[in-house]
Protein backbone atom coordinates (compact mmCIF):
# COMPACT_ATOMS: atom_id res chain seq x y z
CA MET A 1 40.17 36.99 57.35
CA ASN A 2 41.80 40.30 56.91
CA LYS A 3 44.55 41.37 54.40
CA LEU A 4 47.29 41.17 56.84
CA THR A 5 49.87 41.11 54.15
CA ARG A 6 49.56 42.63 50.72
CA PHE A 7 52.57 41.77 48.31
CA LEU A 8 50.93 43.62 45.60
CA THR A 9 52.12 46.30 43.20
CA VAL A 10 49.49 49.15 42.81
CA VAL A 11 49.46 49.87 39.20
CA SER A 12 47.27 52.88 39.29
CA LEU A 13 45.71 55.01 41.99
CA ILE A 14 42.43 56.90 41.22
CA ALA A 15 43.20 60.26 39.51
CA SER A 16 41.70 62.21 42.43
CA VAL A 17 44.34 61.00 44.94
CA GLY A 18 46.91 62.64 42.93
CA THR A 19 50.67 61.94 42.49
CA PHE A 20 52.68 61.10 45.63
CA THR A 21 56.40 60.80 46.52
CA ALA A 22 58.26 57.77 47.69
CA CYS A 23 59.88 59.63 50.47
CA LYS A 24 59.25 58.80 54.10
CA LYS A 25 57.38 61.34 56.07
CA THR A 26 57.18 61.88 60.01
CA PHE A 27 53.84 61.68 61.15
CA ASP A 28 52.42 64.23 63.82
CA ASN A 29 52.84 62.94 67.25
CA PRO A 30 53.72 66.11 69.45
CA PRO A 31 54.01 65.82 73.05
CA GLY A 32 50.64 66.37 74.87
CA ALA A 33 48.90 66.20 71.59
CA SER A 34 45.43 68.00 71.62
CA ASP A 35 42.47 67.78 69.17
CA PRO A 36 42.98 70.02 66.15
CA GLY A 37 40.42 72.68 65.30
CA ILE A 38 38.63 70.19 62.97
CA VAL A 39 34.94 69.24 63.33
CA ALA A 40 33.58 65.88 62.13
CA ASN A 41 30.67 66.28 60.06
CA THR A 42 29.43 62.72 59.80
CA THR A 43 29.64 59.47 61.89
CA ILE A 44 31.33 56.23 61.00
CA LYS A 45 27.89 54.69 60.86
CA ALA A 46 26.86 57.25 58.22
CA LEU A 47 30.14 56.80 56.22
CA LYS A 48 29.65 53.00 56.21
CA ALA A 49 26.14 53.45 55.01
CA LEU A 50 27.47 54.82 51.65
CA HIS A 51 28.60 51.19 50.83
CA THR A 52 25.70 49.07 50.30
CA THR A 53 26.91 46.69 47.64
CA PRO A 54 29.38 43.88 48.59
CA GLY A 55 32.54 44.20 46.82
CA ALA A 56 31.80 47.65 45.36
CA TYR A 57 34.30 50.41 45.47
CA ASP A 58 32.68 53.59 46.52
CA VAL A 59 34.87 56.70 46.12
CA ILE A 60 33.81 59.55 48.51
CA SER A 61 33.07 62.62 46.45
CA SER A 62 31.89 65.09 49.30
CA ASP A 63 33.82 66.75 52.00
CA LEU A 64 32.99 64.17 54.68
CA ILE A 65 35.26 64.23 57.98
CA ILE A 66 35.03 61.47 60.57
CA SER A 67 36.37 61.12 64.01
CA GLY A 68 37.19 58.02 66.10
CA VAL A 69 39.44 56.92 68.61
CA VAL A 70 41.88 54.34 67.70
CA VAL A 71 40.86 50.98 69.47
CA ALA A 72 43.34 48.68 67.62
CA ASP A 73 46.76 49.30 66.38
CA ASP A 74 49.62 47.24 64.74
CA LYS A 75 51.94 47.23 67.88
CA SER A 76 51.78 43.32 68.41
CA GLY A 77 52.19 42.62 64.72
CA ASN A 78 48.68 40.86 64.64
CA LEU A 79 47.46 43.70 62.46
CA TYR A 80 49.47 45.05 59.52
CA LYS A 81 49.27 48.34 57.91
CA GLN A 82 45.82 49.00 59.43
CA LEU A 83 43.98 50.55 62.42
CA PHE A 84 40.51 50.16 63.74
CA ILE A 85 38.86 53.32 64.98
CA GLN A 86 35.52 53.82 66.67
CA ASP A 87 33.04 56.41 67.58
CA SER A 88 29.78 56.11 69.44
CA THR A 89 28.04 54.70 66.34
CA GLY A 90 30.34 52.10 65.16
CA GLY A 91 33.69 50.92 64.18
CA LEU A 92 35.79 50.95 61.08
CA GLN A 93 39.14 49.36 59.54
CA VAL A 94 41.51 52.13 58.18
CA LEU A 95 44.11 50.93 55.71
CA LEU A 96 47.38 53.01 55.82
CA ASP A 97 50.50 51.94 53.77
CA ALA A 98 53.15 52.33 56.52
CA ALA A 99 54.44 50.19 59.43
CA SER A 100 54.75 50.89 63.11
CA LEU A 101 51.56 53.03 63.06
CA PHE A 102 51.22 52.66 66.79
CA GLY A 103 54.16 55.10 67.30
CA THR A 104 51.86 57.73 65.85
CA TYR A 105 48.31 56.48 66.23
CA PRO A 106 48.30 54.37 69.40
CA VAL A 107 45.19 53.01 70.98
CA GLY A 108 43.48 55.79 72.70
CA ARG A 109 44.42 58.56 70.19
CA ARG A 110 41.64 60.40 68.56
CA ILE A 111 41.99 60.98 64.86
CA TYR A 112 40.35 62.73 62.06
CA ILE A 113 39.92 61.60 58.65
CA LYS A 114 39.18 63.75 55.60
CA CYS A 115 37.34 61.28 53.48
CA LYS A 116 36.93 63.09 50.12
CA ASP A 117 38.65 61.02 47.49
CA LEU A 118 39.07 58.01 49.67
CA CYS A 119 37.16 54.83 49.08
CA ILE A 120 34.82 52.72 51.28
CA SER A 121 34.63 49.11 50.35
CA ASP A 122 34.70 45.70 52.15
CA TYR A 123 36.73 42.53 52.26
CA ASN A 124 34.27 39.66 52.38
CA GLY A 125 31.93 41.64 54.38
CA THR A 126 34.26 43.77 56.74
CA MET A 127 34.28 47.48 55.81
CA GLU A 128 37.51 49.25 55.20
CA LEU A 129 38.61 52.77 54.29
CA GLY A 130 41.54 53.39 51.95
CA VAL A 131 42.28 54.29 48.26
CA LYS A 132 40.93 52.70 45.13
CA ALA A 133 43.54 51.40 42.97
CA LEU A 134 44.25 48.93 40.10
CA VAL A 135 46.19 45.89 40.96
CA ASP A 136 46.95 43.79 37.88
CA GLY A 137 44.25 45.46 36.01
CA SER A 138 41.64 44.90 38.69
CA PRO A 139 40.15 47.35 41.04
CA SER A 140 41.02 47.05 44.77
CA VAL A 141 41.06 49.18 47.93
CA GLU A 142 44.61 49.68 49.22
CA GLY A 143 46.33 51.55 52.14
CA ILE A 144 46.55 55.32 51.90
CA PRO A 145 50.12 55.73 50.56
CA SER A 146 52.67 56.94 53.38
CA GLY A 147 53.16 60.20 51.70
CA LEU A 148 49.56 61.05 51.66
CA ILE A 149 48.65 59.92 55.25
CA SER A 150 49.17 63.17 56.67
CA LYS A 151 46.96 64.78 53.98
CA TYR A 152 43.96 62.67 55.01
CA VAL A 153 44.66 61.53 58.54
CA ILE A 154 45.15 64.24 61.36
CA GLY A 155 46.01 63.15 65.01
CA GLY A 156 44.36 64.45 67.99
CA SER A 157 44.32 64.06 71.67
CA LEU A 158 45.83 60.90 73.32
CA ASN A 159 44.78 58.59 75.93
CA ASN A 160 41.18 58.73 75.34
CA PRO A 161 39.23 55.94 77.12
CA VAL A 162 38.78 52.70 75.19
CA VAL A 163 36.27 50.49 76.64
CA PRO A 164 34.94 47.34 74.89
CA ILE A 165 31.28 46.83 74.07
CA VAL A 166 30.18 43.67 76.05
CA VAL A 167 28.06 41.55 73.91
CA ASN A 168 26.73 38.12 73.43
CA GLN A 169 27.73 35.93 70.46
CA SER A 170 24.04 35.86 69.30
CA ASP A 171 24.41 39.68 69.06
CA LEU A 172 26.93 39.65 66.43
CA GLY A 173 25.39 39.76 62.89
CA THR A 174 27.20 39.03 59.61
CA ASN A 175 25.56 41.73 57.50
CA MET A 176 28.23 44.09 56.59
CA GLN A 177 26.33 47.07 58.21
CA ASP A 178 26.12 45.24 61.48
CA LYS A 179 26.69 47.71 64.23
CA TYR A 180 29.56 45.69 65.92
CA LEU A 181 31.55 45.01 62.95
CA GLY A 182 34.95 46.64 63.08
CA SER A 183 34.49 47.55 66.82
CA LEU A 184 36.10 46.54 69.94
CA ILE A 185 33.89 44.10 71.66
CA GLN A 186 34.15 41.65 74.70
CA LEU A 187 32.76 38.20 75.09
CA ASN A 188 32.36 36.47 78.38
CA ASN A 189 32.86 33.01 79.70
CA TYR A 190 34.79 31.53 76.64
CA GLU A 191 37.78 29.08 76.37
CA PHE A 192 39.91 27.57 73.84
CA GLY A 193 38.72 24.25 72.54
CA ASP A 194 42.24 22.90 72.17
CA THR A 195 44.54 23.93 74.80
CA THR A 196 47.59 22.22 73.47
CA LEU A 197 47.96 24.74 70.59
CA THR A 198 49.90 27.97 70.27
CA PHE A 199 48.22 31.18 69.11
CA ALA A 200 49.48 31.03 65.59
CA ASP A 201 51.70 29.07 63.12
CA THR A 202 55.26 29.17 64.19
CA SER A 203 56.72 27.15 61.37
CA VAL A 204 58.70 28.53 58.56
CA TYR A 205 55.49 28.92 56.52
CA LYS A 206 54.25 31.60 58.74
CA SER A 207 50.57 31.00 58.20
CA THR A 208 47.75 32.91 59.54
CA VAL A 209 45.47 30.48 61.60
CA ASN A 210 42.10 30.27 63.03
CA ARG A 211 41.63 29.16 66.70
CA ASP A 212 38.18 28.13 67.95
CA ILE A 213 37.08 29.40 71.29
CA LYS A 214 33.83 28.13 72.83
CA ASN A 215 31.51 29.31 75.53
CA CYS A 216 29.57 27.00 78.01
CA ASN A 217 26.55 26.77 75.84
CA GLY A 218 28.50 25.26 72.96
CA GLN A 219 28.89 28.39 70.70
CA THR A 220 31.91 28.50 68.77
CA ILE A 221 33.68 31.48 67.26
CA ILE A 222 37.10 32.06 65.53
CA ILE A 223 40.05 33.90 66.83
CA ARG A 224 42.36 34.68 63.89
CA ASN A 225 45.91 35.22 64.49
CA SER A 226 48.93 36.13 62.37
CA ALA A 227 52.21 34.29 62.41
CA TYR A 228 53.97 37.55 62.69
CA ALA A 229 52.20 38.55 65.93
CA ASN A 230 54.60 38.82 68.81
CA PHE A 231 52.55 36.41 70.82
CA ALA A 232 52.35 33.76 67.80
CA GLY A 233 54.41 31.13 69.62
CA ARG A 234 52.67 31.53 72.91
CA LYS A 235 50.58 28.53 74.02
CA VAL A 236 46.85 29.44 74.43
CA PRO A 237 45.61 29.79 78.02
CA GLY A 238 43.70 26.75 79.35
CA GLY A 239 41.17 28.52 81.43
CA ASN A 240 37.80 30.14 81.03
CA GLY A 241 37.26 33.77 80.91
CA ASN A 242 36.68 37.05 78.89
CA VAL A 243 38.23 38.00 75.51
CA VAL A 244 38.47 41.60 74.07
CA ALA A 245 38.96 41.82 70.21
CA ILE A 246 37.96 43.50 66.98
CA TYR A 247 34.75 41.84 65.56
CA THR A 248 35.14 41.06 61.76
CA THR A 249 33.65 38.77 59.36
CA PHE A 250 34.69 36.54 56.37
CA GLY A 251 31.55 36.11 54.39
CA THR A 252 29.12 34.66 56.94
CA THR A 253 31.86 33.44 59.28
CA LYS A 254 32.24 35.57 62.41
CA GLN A 255 35.81 36.17 63.29
CA LEU A 256 37.73 37.98 66.18
CA LEU A 257 41.16 39.90 65.89
CA LEU A 258 43.24 40.22 69.01
CA ARG A 259 45.16 43.27 69.47
CA ASN A 260 47.57 41.46 71.81
CA ALA A 261 47.61 38.29 73.96
CA ASP A 262 46.58 40.13 77.16
CA ASP A 263 43.30 40.70 75.66
CA VAL A 264 42.57 36.98 76.24
CA GLN A 265 41.87 36.58 80.15
CA PHE A 266 41.18 32.94 80.34
CA THR A 267 42.08 32.22 83.93
CA GLY A 268 38.97 30.85 85.43
CA ALA A 269 37.73 27.25 85.77
CA ARG A 270 36.69 25.72 82.35
CA CYS A 271 33.24 25.14 81.26
CA ASN A 272 33.71 21.49 81.05
CA ILE A 273 33.46 18.88 83.65
CA PHE A 274 34.77 16.40 81.08
CA GLU A 275 36.20 16.85 77.70
CA GLU A 276 38.19 14.75 75.24
CA TYR A 277 39.06 15.97 71.66
CA PHE A 278 41.77 13.26 71.10
CA THR A 279 44.31 15.94 70.03
CA SER A 280 47.14 14.22 71.45
CA LEU A 281 47.09 11.49 69.00
CA THR A 282 49.85 11.61 66.44
CA SER A 283 50.40 10.21 62.94
CA ALA A 284 52.10 7.19 64.43
CA ASP A 285 48.98 6.30 66.27
CA ASN A 286 46.72 6.10 63.30
CA ASN A 287 44.74 2.87 62.95
CA GLN A 288 46.21 1.55 66.19
CA GLU A 289 43.92 0.36 68.88
CA PHE A 290 42.64 3.36 71.16
CA GLY A 291 44.04 3.19 74.54
CA PHE A 292 43.95 6.44 76.61
CA ALA A 293 44.50 6.22 80.35
CA GLY A 294 41.34 5.54 82.24
CA TRP A 295 39.28 4.63 79.22
CA THR A 296 37.96 1.11 78.59
CA ASN A 297 38.01 -0.16 74.98
CA VAL A 298 36.44 -3.69 75.01
CA ALA A 299 34.48 -5.89 72.55
CA PRO A 300 33.14 -8.53 74.77
CA ASN A 301 31.96 -10.86 71.78
CA SER A 302 34.33 -10.04 68.99
CA THR A 303 37.59 -8.16 68.06
CA ALA A 304 35.95 -5.02 66.49
CA LYS A 305 37.62 -2.66 69.07
CA TRP A 306 37.76 1.03 68.81
CA LYS A 307 40.81 2.48 66.91
CA ASN A 308 42.43 5.96 66.55
CA THR A 309 42.06 8.03 63.51
CA VAL A 310 44.51 10.86 62.35
CA PHE A 311 43.69 12.79 59.06
CA GLY A 312 44.94 15.95 57.88
CA SER A 313 47.06 18.28 59.79
CA THR A 314 44.53 18.54 62.78
CA GLY A 315 42.00 15.82 62.47
CA ARG A 316 42.00 13.53 65.55
CA ALA A 317 39.30 11.03 66.42
CA VAL A 318 38.37 7.45 67.35
CA LYS A 319 36.68 5.13 64.94
CA VAL A 320 34.99 1.77 64.87
CA THR A 321 33.45 -0.72 62.18
CA ALA A 322 32.29 -4.31 62.17
CA PHE A 323 33.71 -4.50 58.56
CA GLY A 324 35.23 -8.16 58.18
CA THR A 325 33.60 -9.57 61.27
CA SER A 326 32.14 -13.08 60.97
CA VAL A 327 30.14 -12.34 64.08
CA ALA A 328 26.26 -11.92 63.70
CA LEU A 329 26.13 -9.44 66.53
CA ASP A 330 29.37 -7.58 66.86
CA THR A 331 29.40 -5.31 69.75
CA ALA A 332 32.28 -2.81 70.84
CA TRP A 333 32.28 -0.44 73.71
CA LEU A 334 34.31 2.56 74.35
CA ILE A 335 33.94 3.79 77.93
CA THR A 336 35.04 7.06 79.51
CA PRO A 337 36.93 7.16 82.86
CA ALA A 338 34.78 8.00 86.05
CA ILE A 339 33.30 11.37 85.79
CA ALA A 340 32.06 13.31 88.97
CA LEU A 341 29.17 15.38 88.22
CA PRO A 342 28.87 18.39 90.69
CA ALA A 343 25.93 18.49 92.97
CA GLY A 344 23.48 21.40 92.10
CA ALA A 345 24.93 21.54 88.55
CA THR A 346 22.95 21.19 85.30
CA PRO A 347 25.30 19.33 83.31
CA LYS A 348 24.88 18.89 79.65
CA PHE A 349 26.68 16.04 77.49
CA SER A 350 27.47 16.32 73.74
CA PHE A 351 29.63 14.56 71.19
CA SER A 352 30.24 14.64 67.39
CA THR A 353 30.03 11.90 64.73
CA ALA A 354 30.67 11.15 61.22
CA TYR A 355 30.28 8.01 59.18
CA GLN A 356 31.12 6.23 55.83
CA PHE A 357 30.40 3.04 54.09
CA ALA A 358 26.88 3.34 55.63
CA LEU A 359 24.97 0.04 55.72
CA GLY A 360 21.92 0.30 58.15
CA PRO A 361 20.87 -0.44 60.64
CA THR A 362 24.27 -0.39 62.18
CA THR A 363 23.83 1.52 65.41
CA LEU A 364 25.94 3.71 67.73
CA HIS A 365 24.50 5.09 70.91
CA ALA A 366 25.84 6.75 74.08
CA PHE A 367 24.89 5.23 77.34
CA ILE A 368 25.40 6.41 80.94
CA SER A 369 25.92 4.11 84.18
CA THR A 370 26.25 4.84 87.88
CA ASN A 371 27.50 1.27 88.85
CA TYR A 372 30.03 0.27 86.26
CA THR A 373 33.46 -0.72 87.59
CA ALA A 374 36.28 0.72 85.41
CA GLY A 375 37.93 -2.02 83.17
CA ALA A 376 35.16 -4.47 83.76
CA ASP A 377 32.88 -6.17 81.38
CA PRO A 378 30.14 -3.57 80.59
CA ASN A 379 27.51 -6.30 80.34
CA GLY A 380 27.53 -6.54 84.12
CA ALA A 381 26.35 -2.96 84.80
CA THR A 382 23.19 -0.95 84.26
CA TRP A 383 23.24 1.27 81.42
CA THR A 384 20.74 4.02 80.43
CA GLN A 385 20.74 4.95 76.65
CA LEU A 386 21.16 8.90 76.20
CA THR A 387 20.79 9.14 72.47
CA THR A 388 18.41 8.54 69.56
CA ASP A 389 18.80 7.99 66.01
CA ALA A 390 17.95 11.59 65.63
CA ASN A 391 21.17 12.49 67.35
CA ILE A 392 23.35 10.38 65.17
CA ALA A 393 22.61 10.28 61.43
CA GLY A 394 24.86 7.35 60.64
CA ASN A 395 22.48 5.04 62.44
CA THR A 396 20.00 5.00 59.51
CA ALA A 397 22.06 5.88 56.68
CA THR A 398 22.44 3.41 53.89
CA ASN A 399 24.44 5.26 51.14
CA ASN A 400 27.58 3.06 51.31
CA SER A 401 29.91 5.89 50.24
CA GLY A 402 33.60 5.79 50.93
CA THR A 403 33.44 9.51 51.50
CA TRP A 404 33.09 10.59 55.23
CA SER A 405 29.92 12.47 56.06
CA SER A 406 30.29 15.89 57.49
CA THR A 407 30.67 15.84 61.25
CA VAL A 408 27.50 16.45 63.21
CA ASN A 409 27.17 17.37 66.96
CA THR A 410 24.44 15.51 68.79
CA GLY A 411 23.40 18.82 70.74
CA LEU A 412 23.26 19.11 74.39
CA ILE A 413 21.86 16.17 76.16
CA ASP A 414 20.64 16.88 79.76
CA LEU A 415 22.33 15.01 82.65
CA THR A 416 20.78 17.10 85.47
CA SER A 417 19.34 13.99 86.89
CA TYR A 418 22.82 12.50 87.54
CA ALA A 419 24.31 15.70 89.33
CA GLY A 420 25.97 14.70 92.54
CA GLN A 421 26.94 11.23 91.14
CA THR A 422 29.87 9.56 89.61
CA VAL A 423 29.05 8.27 86.12
CA TYR A 424 30.51 6.59 83.21
CA ILE A 425 29.80 7.35 79.54
CA ALA A 426 29.78 4.44 77.02
CA PHE A 427 29.82 4.63 73.24
CA LYS A 428 28.37 1.28 72.22
CA TYR A 429 28.63 0.27 68.58
CA MET A 430 26.39 -2.61 67.18
CA GLY A 431 27.00 -4.17 63.75
CA GLY A 432 27.53 -7.72 62.42
CA THR A 433 26.71 -10.07 59.58
CA SER A 434 23.10 -10.84 60.14
CA PRO A 435 21.97 -8.63 58.48
CA VAL A 436 25.31 -6.96 57.15
CA ARG A 437 25.80 -3.87 59.40
CA THR A 438 29.32 -2.65 59.06
CA THR A 439 28.93 1.14 58.96
CA ASN A 440 32.15 3.00 59.96
CA PHE A 441 31.84 5.65 62.79
CA GLN A 442 33.90 8.39 64.02
CA VAL A 443 33.30 9.98 67.51
CA ASP A 444 34.98 13.26 68.49
CA ASP A 445 34.43 16.53 70.61
CA VAL A 446 33.41 14.54 73.82
CA ARG A 447 32.23 16.95 76.56
CA ILE A 448 30.15 17.49 79.50
CA THR A 449 29.53 21.09 80.36
CA LYS A 450 28.77 22.64 83.72
CA GLN A 451 26.01 25.04 82.21
């Protein structure tokens, strides 16, 4: 999470910054700009190494000069009063108290920063360079005042190459000295988990939002978007591909900041052979019997069918319970549409569960069949169990709490032996009165990936 907006009054800047005027200044941007006669005497990595204590405000007392190429600016509105620069050793967020910075410091421009009297700090783990100030009596790092920008920041040559660093998500660390933090990176083979959403909040509340993207191995990372970005109302792309972004953190949470929507090139085939996140459910559907097209929702020996559950602003899932049943063995089946698994693929299956009012040994398991007929009684088909109790914590829980457990994913379940066949996946719930087994279960995030 970055400080995209700071509606703060700077009460006092550090004395070494000096007095500044409120007049607007024109930044340097001469045609055919060239590098000035300034030599950087340190690197971005070395400058960041001066800040070792999270939350500290380290004012730079020596005549350090860094140089870097702008790799992200505020042109799209997703960044506000900030730039990211990068040299061969790393990247850094630079706070400047001025708007439309892209006009003077566009992506590809080399800039030089005289760092003496500036402050290096971090915002929940992401380093930033600015000025130390007192805000409501508390220390803070703020943007270099507009009247002082030209004192500290000198523009150089334009149109320098900007090439993202191609990484794997596992390469990205959350230590604030991580070499990729603040840098322009590229992740390959990702896609949005929910393709019904827009990039950001377009309501009157103008909230900055997180959007999850996933790769085919199930790794998830956040893209964080401002409602003031010029692409906020654009629907996220539905395919799979590469994303270029600035890597940041919020504590131990890994986050990406987009420069513009064109940095998301999700135009290829998606990872998933099959996926259902139940996102099309609305508040009017809550507690109604589940009935998506192609799915089979049947309880051959009872009435405990699967129902919709809608909670919060984004929570969508299906749920089932045998509570209130008079049947000794109450069985409810929820069966997917037919799923064709490509020959030669190594498909992996996963889903997520949560539970409440746990009374074991209620059981929920996933099964697979190659001879089921859609809509028929599942007891007439052959089913192979795919999950164990280790995949689904609620199967053995007995805490009887009304609070829903955390949602836990099963992990990837190998379906390679079914490649080249058409299959059905069933979620089979077994509860009843003898003994009392009425645990409530939720199921969500159902998917089969190509791998």
